[in-house]
Amino acid sequence: MTTDEALAVPLAELRPALEAVLMVADQPLDQRALASAVGYPEGEVVEALSALAADYDEQGRGFELRNVAGGWRFYTREEYAPIVEAFVLDGQQARLTQAALETLAVVAYQQPISRARVSAVRGVNVDGVMRTLVNRGLVEEAGQDGEHGATLYRTTSYFLERIGIVSLEELPDLAPHLPEMADMEDELAAAAQRDAAPEVPEPPVEGEK
């Protein structure tokens, strides 16, 4: 028995090895990448992949293994696509919290805007809420602030779709109810100066020593 034969993975272990790799892949993998991952010759990897695909079809699994554009990947079986679509949409349609709605309004009317500025407008930290809005596809990154280098955010086309408008110009006229950034910065600067100023003692009341 040669060294290669002694180290070869038995065929019975090849299929689960391929399944394990494909389960965590975020893009289709070609036969060369899969062969390298499981340490098995490409020819036998292709045979094992074809056998796995046939087994899934015969068993009527909810997923299938397909070779698309030269890469192998798991896909939802077509007849179950409506169920998966409903599941995904239910998650996207979950109601936003009041905090998320307020934060989204600030972004919509003041965009592009940094998280720090949104926090200043709302008076609370919005890091977690902004992550939720980004994950929901309602807000996205829009470059960086040239002055401070902070990441800027704007609403997405999905946001427009969800509220039923074509462009931001169709937003209701709510901007006057939000503080102007320049005015807000002046107020914050004045407050900071007041906090930094030394405390002046009050003059004694007449008659007191």
C-alpha atoms as a PDB file:
ATOM      1  CA  MET A   1       0.000   0.000   0.000  1.00  0.00           C
ATOM      2  CA  THR A   2       1.389   3.390  -0.987  1.00  0.00           C
ATOM      3  CA  THR A   3       1.459   6.415   1.280  1.00  0.00           C
ATOM      4  CA  ASP A   4      -1.189   8.109  -0.850  1.00  0.00           C
ATOM      5  CA  GLU A   5      -3.457   5.071  -0.552  1.00  0.00           C
ATOM      6  CA  ALA A   6      -3.004   4.991   3.214  1.00  0.00           C
ATOM      7  CA  LEU A   7      -3.908   8.692   3.544  1.00  0.00           C
ATOM      8  CA  ALA A   8      -6.824   8.613   1.076  1.00  0.00           C
ATOM      9  CA  VAL A   9     -10.224   9.427   2.579  1.00  0.00           C
ATOM     10  CA  PRO A  10     -12.696   6.557   2.067  1.00  0.00           C
ATOM     11  CA  LEU A  11     -15.494   7.405  -0.384  1.00  0.00           C
ATOM     12  CA  ALA A  12     -18.059   6.979   2.386  1.00  0.00           C
ATOM     13  CA  GLU A  13     -16.468   9.976   4.160  1.00  0.00           C
ATOM     14  CA  LEU A  14     -16.088  12.105   1.044  1.00  0.00           C
ATOM     15  CA  ARG A  15     -19.763  12.947   0.656  1.00  0.00           C
ATOM     16  CA  PRO A  16     -20.324  14.299   4.172  1.00  0.00           C
ATOM     17  CA  ALA A  17     -17.075  16.237   3.856  1.00  0.00           C
ATOM     18  CA  LEU A  18     -18.390  17.895   0.707  1.00  0.00           C
ATOM     19  CA  GLU A  19     -21.725  18.600   2.405  1.00  0.00           C
ATOM     20  CA  ALA A  20     -19.968  20.240   5.336  1.00  0.00           C
ATOM     21  CA  VAL A  21     -17.951  22.549   3.062  1.00  0.00           C
ATOM     22  CA  LEU A  22     -20.917  23.443   0.853  1.00  0.00           C
ATOM     23  CA  MET A  23     -23.050  24.181   3.908  1.00  0.00           C
ATOM     24  CA  VAL A  24     -20.839  27.108   4.935  1.00  0.00           C
ATOM     25  CA  ALA A  25     -19.961  28.373   1.445  1.00  0.00           C
ATOM     26  CA  ASP A  26     -21.340  31.827   0.644  1.00  0.00           C
ATOM     27  CA  GLN A  27     -20.809  31.416  -3.111  1.00  0.00           C
ATOM     28  CA  PRO A  28     -20.687  28.549  -5.639  1.00  0.00           C
ATOM     29  CA  LEU A  29     -17.487  26.478  -5.437  1.00  0.00           C
ATOM     30  CA  ASP A  30     -15.922  24.806  -8.449  1.00  0.00           C
ATOM     31  CA  GLN A  31     -14.620  21.247  -8.401  1.00  0.00           C
ATOM     32  CA  ARG A  32     -11.018  22.361  -7.972  1.00  0.00           C
ATOM     33  CA  ALA A  33     -11.796  24.384  -4.845  1.00  0.00           C
ATOM     34  CA  LEU A  34     -13.843  21.541  -3.395  1.00  0.00           C
ATOM     35  CA  ALA A  35     -11.170  18.959  -4.192  1.00  0.00           C
ATOM     36  CA  SER A  36      -8.587  21.127  -2.447  1.00  0.00           C
ATOM     37  CA  ALA A  37     -10.865  21.551   0.567  1.00  0.00           C
ATOM     38  CA  VAL A  38     -11.541  17.844   1.092  1.00  0.00           C
ATOM     39  CA  GLY A  39      -8.159  16.551  -0.121  1.00  0.00           C
ATOM     40  CA  TYR A  40      -9.558  14.275  -2.821  1.00  0.00           C
ATOM     41  CA  PRO A  41      -8.991  13.975  -6.602  1.00  0.00           C
ATOM     42  CA  GLU A  42     -11.185  16.219  -8.734  1.00  0.00           C
ATOM     43  CA  GLY A  43     -12.640  13.333 -10.729  1.00  0.00           C
ATOM     44  CA  GLU A  44     -13.911  11.556  -7.637  1.00  0.00           C
ATOM     45  CA  VAL A  45     -15.187  14.826  -6.191  1.00  0.00           C
ATOM     46  CA  VAL A  46     -17.296  15.417  -9.302  1.00  0.00           C
ATOM     47  CA  GLU A  47     -18.678  11.860  -9.087  1.00  0.00           C
ATOM     48  CA  ALA A  48     -19.534  12.355  -5.417  1.00  0.00           C
ATOM     49  CA  LEU A  49     -21.233  15.697  -6.112  1.00  0.00           C
ATOM     50  CA  SER A  50     -23.341  14.190  -8.882  1.00  0.00           C
ATOM     51  CA  ALA A  51     -24.309  11.311  -6.603  1.00  0.00           C
ATOM     52  CA  LEU A  52     -25.286  13.710  -3.807  1.00  0.00           C
ATOM     53  CA  ALA A  53     -27.420  15.752  -6.206  1.00  0.00           C
ATOM     54  CA  ALA A  54     -29.167  12.596  -7.399  1.00  0.00           C
ATOM     55  CA  ASP A  55     -29.767  11.422  -3.803  1.00  0.00           C
ATOM     56  CA  TYR A  56     -31.367  14.757  -2.845  1.00  0.00           C
ATOM     57  CA  ASP A  57     -33.639  14.601  -5.884  1.00  0.00           C
ATOM     58  CA  GLU A  58     -34.648  11.002  -5.146  1.00  0.00           C
ATOM     59  CA  GLN A  59     -35.353  11.790  -1.484  1.00  0.00           C
ATOM     60  CA  GLY A  60     -37.376  14.887  -2.324  1.00  0.00           C
ATOM     61  CA  ARG A  61     -35.374  17.155  -0.018  1.00  0.00           C
ATOM     62  CA  GLY A  62     -36.370  20.801   0.394  1.00  0.00           C
ATOM     63  CA  PHE A  63     -33.027  21.783  -1.105  1.00  0.00           C
ATOM     64  CA  GLU A  64     -31.000  20.648  -4.090  1.00  0.00           C
ATOM     65  CA  LEU A  65     -27.369  20.638  -5.119  1.00  0.00           C
ATOM     66  CA  ARG A  66     -26.804  22.336  -8.448  1.00  0.00           C
ATOM     67  CA  ASN A  67     -23.824  23.057 -10.672  1.00  0.00           C
ATOM     68  CA  VAL A  68     -24.410  26.595 -11.936  1.00  0.00           C
ATOM     69  CA  ALA A  69     -21.847  28.455 -14.043  1.00  0.00           C
ATOM     70  CA  GLY A  70     -19.141  25.985 -13.103  1.00  0.00           C
ATOM     71  CA  GLY A  71     -19.755  26.164  -9.346  1.00  0.00           C
ATOM     72  CA  TRP A  72     -21.626  23.869  -6.939  1.00  0.00           C
ATOM     73  CA  ARG A  73     -23.985  25.216  -4.303  1.00  0.00           C
ATOM     74  CA  PHE A  74     -27.089  24.317  -2.287  1.00  0.00           C
ATOM     75  CA  TYR A  75     -30.323  25.947  -3.468  1.00  0.00           C
ATOM     76  CA  THR A  76     -33.886  25.918  -2.214  1.00  0.00           C
ATOM     77  CA  ARG A  77     -35.959  23.547  -4.324  1.00  0.00           C
ATOM     78  CA  GLU A  78     -38.204  25.527  -6.660  1.00  0.00           C
ATOM     79  CA  GLU A  79     -41.504  24.166  -5.372  1.00  0.00           C
ATOM     80  CA  TYR A  80     -40.683  25.420  -1.862  1.00  0.00           C
ATOM     81  CA  ALA A  81     -39.623  28.904  -2.961  1.00  0.00           C
ATOM     82  CA  PRO A  82     -42.990  30.521  -1.999  1.00  0.00           C
ATOM     83  CA  ILE A  83     -42.625  29.239   1.575  1.00  0.00           C
ATOM     84  CA  VAL A  84     -39.096  30.620   1.874  1.00  0.00           C
ATOM     85  CA  GLU A  85     -40.167  33.924   0.308  1.00  0.00           C
ATOM     86  CA  ALA A  86     -43.039  34.302   2.789  1.00  0.00           C
ATOM     87  CA  PHE A  87     -40.701  33.555   5.678  1.00  0.00           C
ATOM     88  CA  VAL A  88     -38.180  36.177   4.547  1.00  0.00           C
ATOM     89  CA  LEU A  89     -40.823  38.820   3.871  1.00  0.00           C
ATOM     90  CA  ASP A  90     -42.447  38.276   7.264  1.00  0.00           C
ATOM     91  CA  GLY A  91     -39.135  39.135   8.897  1.00  0.00           C
ATOM     92  CA  GLN A  92     -38.719  42.250   6.779  1.00  0.00           C
ATOM     93  CA  GLN A  93     -42.256  43.438   7.474  1.00  0.00           C
ATOM     94  CA  ALA A  94     -41.914  43.288  11.244  1.00  0.00           C
ATOM     95  CA  ARG A  95     -42.892  46.640  12.699  1.00  0.00           C
ATOM     96  CA  LEU A  96     -40.155  49.132  13.422  1.00  0.00           C
ATOM     97  CA  THR A  97     -39.896  50.485  16.949  1.00  0.00           C
ATOM     98  CA  GLN A  98     -40.667  54.120  17.687  1.00  0.00           C
ATOM     99  CA  ALA A  99     -36.933  54.748  18.130  1.00  0.00           C
ATOM    100  CA  ALA A 100     -36.216  53.234  14.715  1.00  0.00           C
ATOM    101  CA  LEU A 101     -38.938  55.300  13.045  1.00  0.00           C
ATOM    102  CA  GLU A 102     -37.621  58.513  14.601  1.00  0.00           C
ATOM    103  CA  THR A 103     -34.058  57.695  13.560  1.00  0.00           C
ATOM    104  CA  LEU A 104     -35.192  56.825  10.034  1.00  0.00           C
ATOM    105  CA  ALA A 105     -37.006  60.168   9.799  1.00  0.00           C
ATOM    106  CA  VAL A 106     -33.858  62.066  10.799  1.00  0.00           C
ATOM    107  CA  VAL A 107     -31.814  60.225   8.163  1.00  0.00           C
ATOM    108  CA  ALA A 108     -34.468  60.777   5.498  1.00  0.00           C
ATOM    109  CA  TYR A 109     -34.632  64.544   6.009  1.00  0.00           C
ATOM    110  CA  GLN A 110     -30.993  65.301   6.855  1.00  0.00           C
ATOM    111  CA  GLN A 111     -29.131  62.813   4.606  1.00  0.00           C
ATOM    112  CA  PRO A 112     -26.329  62.191   4.083  1.00  0.00           C
ATOM    113  CA  ILE A 113     -25.749  62.221   7.817  1.00  0.00           C
ATOM    114  CA  SER A 114     -23.430  60.553  10.320  1.00  0.00           C
ATOM    115  CA  ARG A 115     -24.551  58.494  13.294  1.00  0.00           C
ATOM    116  CA  ALA A 116     -23.119  61.099  15.643  1.00  0.00           C
ATOM    117  CA  ARG A 117     -25.285  63.800  14.096  1.00  0.00           C
ATOM    118  CA  VAL A 118     -28.370  61.581  14.262  1.00  0.00           C
ATOM    119  CA  SER A 119     -27.596  60.954  17.929  1.00  0.00           C
ATOM    120  CA  ALA A 120     -27.278  64.703  18.482  1.00  0.00           C
ATOM    121  CA  VAL A 121     -30.679  65.352  16.896  1.00  0.00           C
ATOM    122  CA  ARG A 122     -32.405  62.609  18.879  1.00  0.00           C
ATOM    123  CA  GLY A 123     -30.490  63.151  22.088  1.00  0.00           C
ATOM    124  CA  VAL A 124     -29.699  59.448  22.507  1.00  0.00           C
ATOM    125  CA  ASN A 125     -27.174  56.939  21.153  1.00  0.00           C
ATOM    126  CA  VAL A 126     -28.475  55.454  17.892  1.00  0.00           C
ATOM    127  CA  ASP A 127     -25.746  52.920  17.045  1.00  0.00           C
ATOM    128  CA  GLY A 128     -27.981  49.875  17.610  1.00  0.00           C
ATOM    129  CA  VAL A 129     -30.950  51.419  15.818  1.00  0.00           C
ATOM    130  CA  MET A 130     -28.813  52.360  12.818  1.00  0.00           C
ATOM    131  CA  ARG A 131     -27.566  48.776  12.561  1.00  0.00           C
ATOM    132  CA  THR A 132     -31.183  47.599  12.526  1.00  0.00           C
ATOM    133  CA  LEU A 133     -32.086  50.035   9.748  1.00  0.00           C
ATOM    134  CA  VAL A 134     -29.052  48.974   7.705  1.00  0.00           C
ATOM    135  CA  ASN A 135     -29.895  45.285   8.193  1.00  0.00           C
ATOM    136  CA  ARG A 136     -33.479  45.964   7.109  1.00  0.00           C
ATOM    137  CA  GLY A 137     -32.172  47.543   3.910  1.00  0.00           C
ATOM    138  CA  LEU A 138     -33.745  50.916   4.695  1.00  0.00           C
ATOM    139  CA  VAL A 139     -30.470  52.785   5.245  1.00  0.00           C
ATOM    140  CA  GLU A 140     -27.063  52.393   3.619  1.00  0.00           C
ATOM    141  CA  GLU A 141     -23.592  53.909   3.816  1.00  0.00           C
ATOM    142  CA  ALA A 142     -23.026  56.979   1.645  1.00  0.00           C
ATOM    143  CA  GLY A 143     -19.303  57.677   1.841  1.00  0.00           C
ATOM    144  CA  GLN A 144     -17.456  59.665   4.489  1.00  0.00           C
ATOM    145  CA  ASP A 145     -17.624  63.144   5.897  1.00  0.00           C
ATOM    146  CA  GLY A 146     -14.717  65.051   4.336  1.00  0.00           C
ATOM    147  CA  GLU A 147     -14.204  67.122   7.484  1.00  0.00           C
ATOM    148  CA  HIS A 148     -14.265  64.465  10.197  1.00  0.00           C
ATOM    149  CA  GLY A 149     -14.013  61.188   8.241  1.00  0.00           C
ATOM    150  CA  ALA A 150     -17.201  59.839   9.822  1.00  0.00           C
ATOM    151  CA  THR A 151     -19.309  57.368   7.835  1.00  0.00           C
ATOM    152  CA  LEU A 152     -22.374  59.001   6.302  1.00  0.00           C
ATOM    153  CA  TYR A 153     -25.739  57.308   5.834  1.00  0.00           C
ATOM    154  CA  ARG A 154     -28.664  57.770   3.482  1.00  0.00           C
ATOM    155  CA  THR A 155     -31.972  56.044   2.793  1.00  0.00           C
ATOM    156  CA  THR A 156     -32.181  53.364   0.095  1.00  0.00           C
ATOM    157  CA  SER A 157     -34.410  52.747  -2.904  1.00  0.00           C
ATOM    158  CA  TYR A 158     -36.073  50.047  -0.798  1.00  0.00           C
ATOM    159  CA  PHE A 159     -37.047  52.775   1.684  1.00  0.00           C
ATOM    160  CA  LEU A 160     -38.748  54.697  -1.132  1.00  0.00           C
ATOM    161  CA  GLU A 161     -40.473  51.511  -2.266  1.00  0.00           C
ATOM    162  CA  ARG A 162     -41.731  50.719   1.225  1.00  0.00           C
ATOM    163  CA  ILE A 163     -43.293  54.145   1.769  1.00  0.00           C
ATOM    164  CA  GLY A 164     -44.622  54.315  -1.790  1.00  0.00           C
ATOM    165  CA  ILE A 165     -42.804  57.286  -3.316  1.00  0.00           C
ATOM    166  CA  VAL A 166     -40.529  57.706  -6.308  1.00  0.00           C
ATOM    167  CA  SER A 167     -38.024  60.199  -4.908  1.00  0.00           C
ATOM    168  CA  LEU A 168     -37.138  62.022  -1.701  1.00  0.00           C
ATOM    169  CA  GLU A 169     -38.760  65.183  -3.087  1.00  0.00           C
ATOM    170  CA  GLU A 170     -42.112  63.506  -2.421  1.00  0.00           C
ATOM    171  CA  LEU A 171     -41.493  63.212   1.311  1.00  0.00           C
ATOM    172  CA  PRO A 172     -44.079  65.021   3.459  1.00  0.00           C
ATOM    173  CA  ASP A 173     -43.032  68.503   4.543  1.00  0.00           C
ATOM    174  CA  LEU A 174     -41.747  67.536   7.985  1.00  0.00           C
ATOM    175  CA  ALA A 175     -38.274  69.045   7.710  1.00  0.00           C
ATOM    176  CA  PRO A 176     -39.250  72.312   9.490  1.00  0.00           C
ATOM    177  CA  HIS A 177     -40.042  70.266  12.602  1.00  0.00           C
ATOM    178  CA  LEU A 178     -36.464  68.967  12.778  1.00  0.00           C
ATOM    179  CA  PRO A 179     -33.646  71.180  14.088  1.00  0.00           C
ATOM    180  CA  GLU A 180     -31.292  72.612  11.511  1.00  0.00           C
ATOM    181  CA  MET A 181     -27.815  71.108  11.829  1.00  0.00           C
ATOM    182  CA  ALA A 182     -26.123  74.531  11.923  1.00  0.00           C
ATOM    183  CA  ASP A 183     -28.434  75.813  14.681  1.00  0.00           C
ATOM    184  CA  MET A 184     -28.017  72.597  16.632  1.00  0.00           C
ATOM    185  CA  GLU A 185     -24.227  72.779  16.402  1.00  0.00           C
ATOM    186  CA  ASP A 186     -24.315  76.388  17.635  1.00  0.00           C
ATOM    187  CA  GLU A 187     -26.412  75.321  20.598  1.00  0.00           C
ATOM    188  CA  LEU A 188     -24.117  72.408  21.392  1.00  0.00           C
ATOM    189  CA  ALA A 189     -21.031  74.646  21.156  1.00  0.00           C
ATOM    190  CA  ALA A 190     -22.645  77.218  23.447  1.00  0.00           C
ATOM    191  CA  ALA A 191     -23.573  74.518  25.939  1.00  0.00           C
ATOM    192  CA  ALA A 192     -20.014  73.184  25.873  1.00  0.00           C
ATOM    193  CA  GLN A 193     -18.644  76.665  26.557  1.00  0.00           C
ATOM    194  CA  ARG A 194     -21.019  77.100  29.461  1.00  0.00           C
ATOM    195  CA  ASP A 195     -19.944  73.772  30.921  1.00  0.00           C
ATOM    196  CA  ALA A 196     -16.271  74.681  30.543  1.00  0.00           C
ATOM    197  CA  ALA A 197     -16.570  78.184  32.016  1.00  0.00           C
ATOM    198  CA  PRO A 198     -15.425  78.577  35.644  1.00  0.00           C
ATOM    199  CA  GLU A 199     -18.192  78.957  38.147  1.00  0.00           C
ATOM    200  CA  VAL A 200     -18.609  82.569  39.290  1.00  0.00           C
ATOM    201  CA  PRO A 201     -19.606  82.840  42.968  1.00  0.00           C
ATOM    202  CA  GLU A 202     -22.797  84.731  43.680  1.00  0.00           C
ATOM    203  CA  PRO A 203     -22.358  88.107  45.442  1.00  0.00           C
ATOM    204  CA  PRO A 204     -23.094  87.972  49.159  1.00  0.00           C
ATOM    205  CA  VAL A 205     -26.485  89.134  50.296  1.00  0.00           C
ATOM    206  CA  GLU A 206     -26.340  92.483  52.071  1.00  0.00           C
ATOM    207  CA  GLY A 207     -25.904  92.022  55.763  1.00  0.00           C
ATOM    208  CA  GLU A 208     -24.105  88.687  55.431  1.00  0.00           C
ATOM    209  CA  LYS A 209     -20.445  88.355  56.357  1.00  0.00           C
END
